[in-house]
Amino acid sequence: LAYMHSLNLQHRDLKPANVMLDSTGRAKIIDFGLACVSSASRSRTKTKVGTNAYMSPEKTAEKRYGPADDVWAAGCILAELLLGRPI
């Protein structure tokens, strides 16, 4: 996720179905169908895309959002893993 964000790439639909494990057990992010590249002039976007359960409050309120929203979704995934159930 940090590497993607260093390239100004936002996934925008991070959820458990889009995280796979490779043969060594390392997590890989897949399905970049809704991803977008942020430029300096458009560092935060307002388009509402993604899966509702993993959207940050900014996205659900249709406010401007950015790479931190991918981090929110990753936190939701981690909470699911720790709780053993969907949040």
N, C-alpha and C. Protein backbone atom coordinates (compact mmCIF):
# COMPACT_ATOMS: atom_id res chain seq x y z
N LEU A 1 0.83 -1.19 0.00
CA LEU A 1 0.00 0.00 0.00
C LEU A 1 0.88 1.25 0.00
N ALA A 2 1.91 1.24 0.82
CA ALA A 2 2.83 2.39 0.85
C ALA A 2 3.52 2.57 -0.50
N TYR A 3 3.88 1.47 -1.13
CA TYR A 3 4.52 1.55 -2.45
C TYR A 3 3.56 2.15 -3.48
N MET A 4 2.32 1.69 -3.48
CA MET A 4 1.31 2.23 -4.40
C MET A 4 1.15 3.73 -4.20
N HIS A 5 1.05 4.13 -2.94
CA HIS A 5 0.85 5.54 -2.64
C HIS A 5 2.08 6.37 -3.00
N SER A 6 3.28 5.77 -2.93
CA SER A 6 4.49 6.51 -3.33
C SER A 6 4.47 6.79 -4.84
N LEU A 7 3.70 6.01 -5.59
CA LEU A 7 3.55 6.22 -7.03
C LEU A 7 2.31 7.05 -7.36
N ASN A 8 1.71 7.64 -6.32
CA ASN A 8 0.47 8.44 -6.45
C ASN A 8 -0.70 7.61 -6.98
N LEU A 9 -0.74 6.34 -6.64
CA LEU A 9 -1.80 5.45 -7.08
C LEU A 9 -2.72 5.14 -5.90
N GLN A 10 -4.01 5.37 -6.09
CA GLN A 10 -5.01 5.03 -5.09
C GLN A 10 -5.80 3.83 -5.58
N HIS A 11 -5.98 2.83 -4.72
CA HIS A 11 -6.73 1.63 -5.10
C HIS A 11 -8.22 1.93 -5.17
N ARG A 12 -8.77 2.56 -4.17
CA ARG A 12 -10.16 3.00 -4.06
C ARG A 12 -11.19 1.90 -3.87
N ASP A 13 -10.79 0.62 -3.86
CA ASP A 13 -11.74 -0.47 -3.59
C ASP A 13 -11.04 -1.59 -2.83
N LEU A 14 -10.31 -1.21 -1.81
CA LEU A 14 -9.59 -2.21 -1.01
C LEU A 14 -10.58 -2.92 -0.10
N LYS A 15 -10.61 -4.26 -0.20
CA LYS A 15 -11.49 -5.11 0.60
C LYS A 15 -10.86 -6.49 0.64
N PRO A 16 -11.31 -7.38 1.52
CA PRO A 16 -10.68 -8.71 1.63
C PRO A 16 -10.61 -9.47 0.31
N ALA A 17 -11.62 -9.33 -0.53
CA ALA A 17 -11.63 -10.04 -1.82
C ALA A 17 -10.53 -9.54 -2.76
N ASN A 18 -9.97 -8.37 -2.48
CA ASN A 18 -8.92 -7.81 -3.32
C ASN A 18 -7.53 -7.94 -2.70
N VAL A 19 -7.41 -8.78 -1.69
CA VAL A 19 -6.11 -9.08 -1.08
C VAL A 19 -5.92 -10.59 -1.12
N MET A 20 -4.88 -11.03 -1.78
CA MET A 20 -4.58 -12.45 -1.91
C MET A 20 -3.22 -12.75 -1.30
N LEU A 21 -3.01 -14.00 -0.92
CA LEU A 21 -1.71 -14.43 -0.40
C LEU A 21 -0.99 -15.22 -1.49
N ASP A 22 0.31 -14.94 -1.67
CA ASP A 22 1.08 -15.72 -2.64
C ASP A 22 1.60 -17.00 -1.97
N SER A 23 2.37 -17.78 -2.68
CA SER A 23 2.83 -19.08 -2.16
C SER A 23 3.74 -18.94 -0.95
N THR A 24 4.31 -17.76 -0.74
CA THR A 24 5.17 -17.54 0.44
C THR A 24 4.41 -16.95 1.61
N GLY A 25 3.12 -16.66 1.41
CA GLY A 25 2.30 -16.09 2.48
C GLY A 25 2.27 -14.57 2.49
N ARG A 26 2.88 -13.94 1.50
CA ARG A 26 2.88 -12.48 1.43
C ARG A 26 1.57 -11.99 0.82
N ALA A 27 1.02 -10.94 1.38
CA ALA A 27 -0.23 -10.36 0.88
C ALA A 27 0.05 -9.57 -0.40
N LYS A 28 -0.82 -9.76 -1.37
CA LYS A 28 -0.74 -9.03 -2.64
C LYS A 28 -2.08 -8.36 -2.90
N ILE A 29 -2.04 -7.08 -3.25
CA ILE A 29 -3.26 -6.35 -3.57
C ILE A 29 -3.55 -6.56 -5.06
N ILE A 30 -4.80 -6.91 -5.36
CA ILE A 30 -5.21 -7.17 -6.75
C ILE A 30 -6.41 -6.31 -7.12
N ASP A 31 -6.87 -6.42 -8.34
CA ASP A 31 -8.05 -5.75 -8.88
C ASP A 31 -7.94 -4.23 -8.79
N PHE A 32 -7.25 -3.68 -9.76
CA PHE A 32 -7.04 -2.23 -9.81
C PHE A 32 -8.04 -1.56 -10.76
N GLY A 33 -9.22 -2.16 -10.92
CA GLY A 33 -10.22 -1.64 -11.83
C GLY A 33 -10.73 -0.25 -11.48
N LEU A 34 -10.76 0.10 -10.21
CA LEU A 34 -11.23 1.43 -9.78
C LEU A 34 -10.08 2.34 -9.37
N ALA A 35 -8.85 1.88 -9.54
CA ALA A 35 -7.68 2.67 -9.12
C ALA A 35 -7.58 3.94 -9.94
N CYS A 36 -6.95 4.94 -9.34
CA CYS A 36 -6.71 6.19 -10.07
C CYS A 36 -5.34 6.72 -9.69
N VAL A 37 -4.76 7.48 -10.59
CA VAL A 37 -3.48 8.12 -10.34
C VAL A 37 -3.77 9.55 -9.92
N SER A 38 -3.19 9.95 -8.78
CA SER A 38 -3.38 11.32 -8.31
C SER A 38 -2.27 12.18 -8.85
N SER A 39 -2.61 13.36 -9.31
CA SER A 39 -1.60 14.33 -9.72
C SER A 39 -1.57 15.44 -8.69
N ALA A 40 -0.58 16.29 -8.77
CA ALA A 40 -0.48 17.39 -7.81
C ALA A 40 -1.71 18.28 -7.86
N SER A 41 -2.27 18.47 -9.04
CA SER A 41 -3.45 19.32 -9.17
C SER A 41 -4.73 18.63 -8.73
N ARG A 42 -4.70 17.27 -8.65
CA ARG A 42 -5.90 16.51 -8.28
C ARG A 42 -5.53 15.49 -7.23
N SER A 43 -4.96 15.96 -6.11
CA SER A 43 -4.47 15.04 -5.09
C SER A 43 -5.60 14.41 -4.27
N ARG A 44 -6.75 15.01 -4.29
CA ARG A 44 -7.88 14.44 -3.59
C ARG A 44 -9.09 14.47 -4.52
N THR A 45 -9.82 13.38 -4.53
CA THR A 45 -10.95 13.27 -5.44
C THR A 45 -12.24 13.18 -4.65
N LYS A 46 -13.37 13.26 -5.34
CA LYS A 46 -14.67 13.27 -4.67
C LYS A 46 -15.62 12.22 -5.22
N THR A 47 -15.20 11.44 -6.22
CA THR A 47 -16.05 10.42 -6.82
C THR A 47 -16.31 9.31 -5.81
N LYS A 48 -17.57 8.91 -5.65
CA LYS A 48 -17.91 7.85 -4.70
C LYS A 48 -17.85 6.51 -5.40
N VAL A 49 -16.75 5.78 -5.18
CA VAL A 49 -16.58 4.44 -5.74
C VAL A 49 -16.05 3.52 -4.65
N GLY A 50 -16.27 2.23 -4.81
CA GLY A 50 -15.75 1.26 -3.85
C GLY A 50 -16.86 0.47 -3.19
N THR A 51 -16.50 -0.28 -2.18
CA THR A 51 -17.43 -1.12 -1.43
C THR A 51 -17.80 -0.41 -0.14
N ASN A 52 -19.09 -0.22 0.10
CA ASN A 52 -19.56 0.60 1.23
C ASN A 52 -18.96 0.21 2.57
N ALA A 53 -18.85 -1.08 2.87
CA ALA A 53 -18.37 -1.52 4.18
C ALA A 53 -16.94 -1.09 4.47
N TYR A 54 -16.18 -0.75 3.45
CA TYR A 54 -14.77 -0.41 3.62
C TYR A 54 -14.48 1.05 3.28
N MET A 55 -15.53 1.85 3.09
CA MET A 55 -15.37 3.26 2.75
C MET A 55 -15.14 4.09 4.00
N SER A 56 -14.26 5.06 3.88
CA SER A 56 -14.00 5.98 4.98
C SER A 56 -15.19 6.93 5.14
N PRO A 57 -15.30 7.59 6.27
CA PRO A 57 -16.40 8.54 6.47
C PRO A 57 -16.42 9.64 5.41
N GLU A 58 -15.24 10.05 4.94
CA GLU A 58 -15.19 11.09 3.90
C GLU A 58 -15.85 10.61 2.61
N LYS A 59 -15.59 9.37 2.25
CA LYS A 59 -16.18 8.83 1.02
C LYS A 59 -17.69 8.69 1.15
N THR A 60 -18.16 8.17 2.27
CA THR A 60 -19.61 7.97 2.43
C THR A 60 -20.34 9.30 2.47
N ALA A 61 -19.70 10.35 2.95
CA ALA A 61 -20.32 11.68 2.99
C ALA A 61 -20.08 12.43 1.69
N GLU A 62 -19.46 11.76 0.72
CA GLU A 62 -19.14 12.34 -0.59
C GLU A 62 -18.30 13.60 -0.47
N LYS A 63 -17.38 13.59 0.51
CA LYS A 63 -16.41 14.68 0.65
C LYS A 63 -15.15 14.28 -0.10
N ARG A 64 -14.21 15.20 -0.22
CA ARG A 64 -12.95 14.91 -0.92
C ARG A 64 -12.14 13.91 -0.10
N TYR A 65 -11.46 13.01 -0.80
CA TYR A 65 -10.67 11.99 -0.13
C TYR A 65 -9.39 11.74 -0.91
N GLY A 66 -8.50 10.98 -0.30
CA GLY A 66 -7.20 10.71 -0.92
C GLY A 66 -6.64 9.37 -0.48
N PRO A 67 -5.32 9.20 -0.53
CA PRO A 67 -4.70 7.92 -0.20
C PRO A 67 -5.00 7.42 1.21
N ALA A 68 -5.27 8.31 2.13
CA ALA A 68 -5.58 7.89 3.50
C ALA A 68 -6.82 7.01 3.55
N ASP A 69 -7.68 7.12 2.55
CA ASP A 69 -8.88 6.29 2.51
C ASP A 69 -8.56 4.83 2.22
N ASP A 70 -7.47 4.58 1.48
CA ASP A 70 -7.00 3.20 1.31
C ASP A 70 -6.51 2.65 2.65
N VAL A 71 -5.87 3.50 3.44
CA VAL A 71 -5.39 3.08 4.76
C VAL A 71 -6.58 2.76 5.66
N TRP A 72 -7.65 3.54 5.58
CA TRP A 72 -8.88 3.26 6.33
C TRP A 72 -9.39 1.86 5.98
N ALA A 73 -9.48 1.57 4.68
CA ALA A 73 -9.97 0.27 4.23
C ALA A 73 -9.07 -0.85 4.72
N ALA A 74 -7.75 -0.63 4.70
CA ALA A 74 -6.82 -1.64 5.22
C ALA A 74 -7.06 -1.88 6.70
N GLY A 75 -7.37 -0.82 7.44
CA GLY A 75 -7.70 -0.97 8.87
C GLY A 75 -8.97 -1.78 9.06
N CYS A 76 -9.95 -1.58 8.19
CA CYS A 76 -11.20 -2.37 8.27
C CYS A 76 -10.91 -3.85 8.02
N ILE A 77 -10.03 -4.13 7.05
CA ILE A 77 -9.65 -5.51 6.75
C ILE A 77 -8.94 -6.12 7.95
N LEU A 78 -8.04 -5.37 8.56
CA LEU A 78 -7.32 -5.87 9.73
C LEU A 78 -8.28 -6.13 10.88
N ALA A 79 -9.24 -5.24 11.09
CA ALA A 79 -10.24 -5.45 12.15
C ALA A 79 -11.03 -6.73 11.90
N GLU A 80 -11.40 -6.99 10.66
CA GLU A 80 -12.10 -8.24 10.33
C GLU A 80 -11.25 -9.46 10.65
N LEU A 81 -9.96 -9.38 10.31
CA LEU A 81 -9.07 -10.51 10.60
C LEU A 81 -8.96 -10.75 12.10
N LEU A 82 -8.86 -9.69 12.87
CA LEU A 82 -8.71 -9.83 14.33
C LEU A 82 -10.01 -10.30 14.99
N LEU A 83 -11.15 -9.82 14.49
CA LEU A 83 -12.43 -10.20 15.08
C LEU A 83 -12.93 -11.54 14.58
N GLY A 84 -12.48 -11.97 13.41
CA GLY A 84 -12.92 -13.22 12.84
C GLY A 84 -14.31 -13.15 12.24
N ARG A 85 -14.77 -11.93 11.97
CA ARG A 85 -16.09 -11.73 11.36
C ARG A 85 -16.11 -10.38 10.66
N PRO A 86 -17.04 -10.21 9.72
CA PRO A 86 -17.15 -8.89 9.06
C PRO A 86 -17.52 -7.81 10.07
N ILE A 87 -17.08 -6.61 9.80
CA ILE A 87 -17.39 -5.51 10.73
C ILE A 87 -18.65 -4.78 10.31
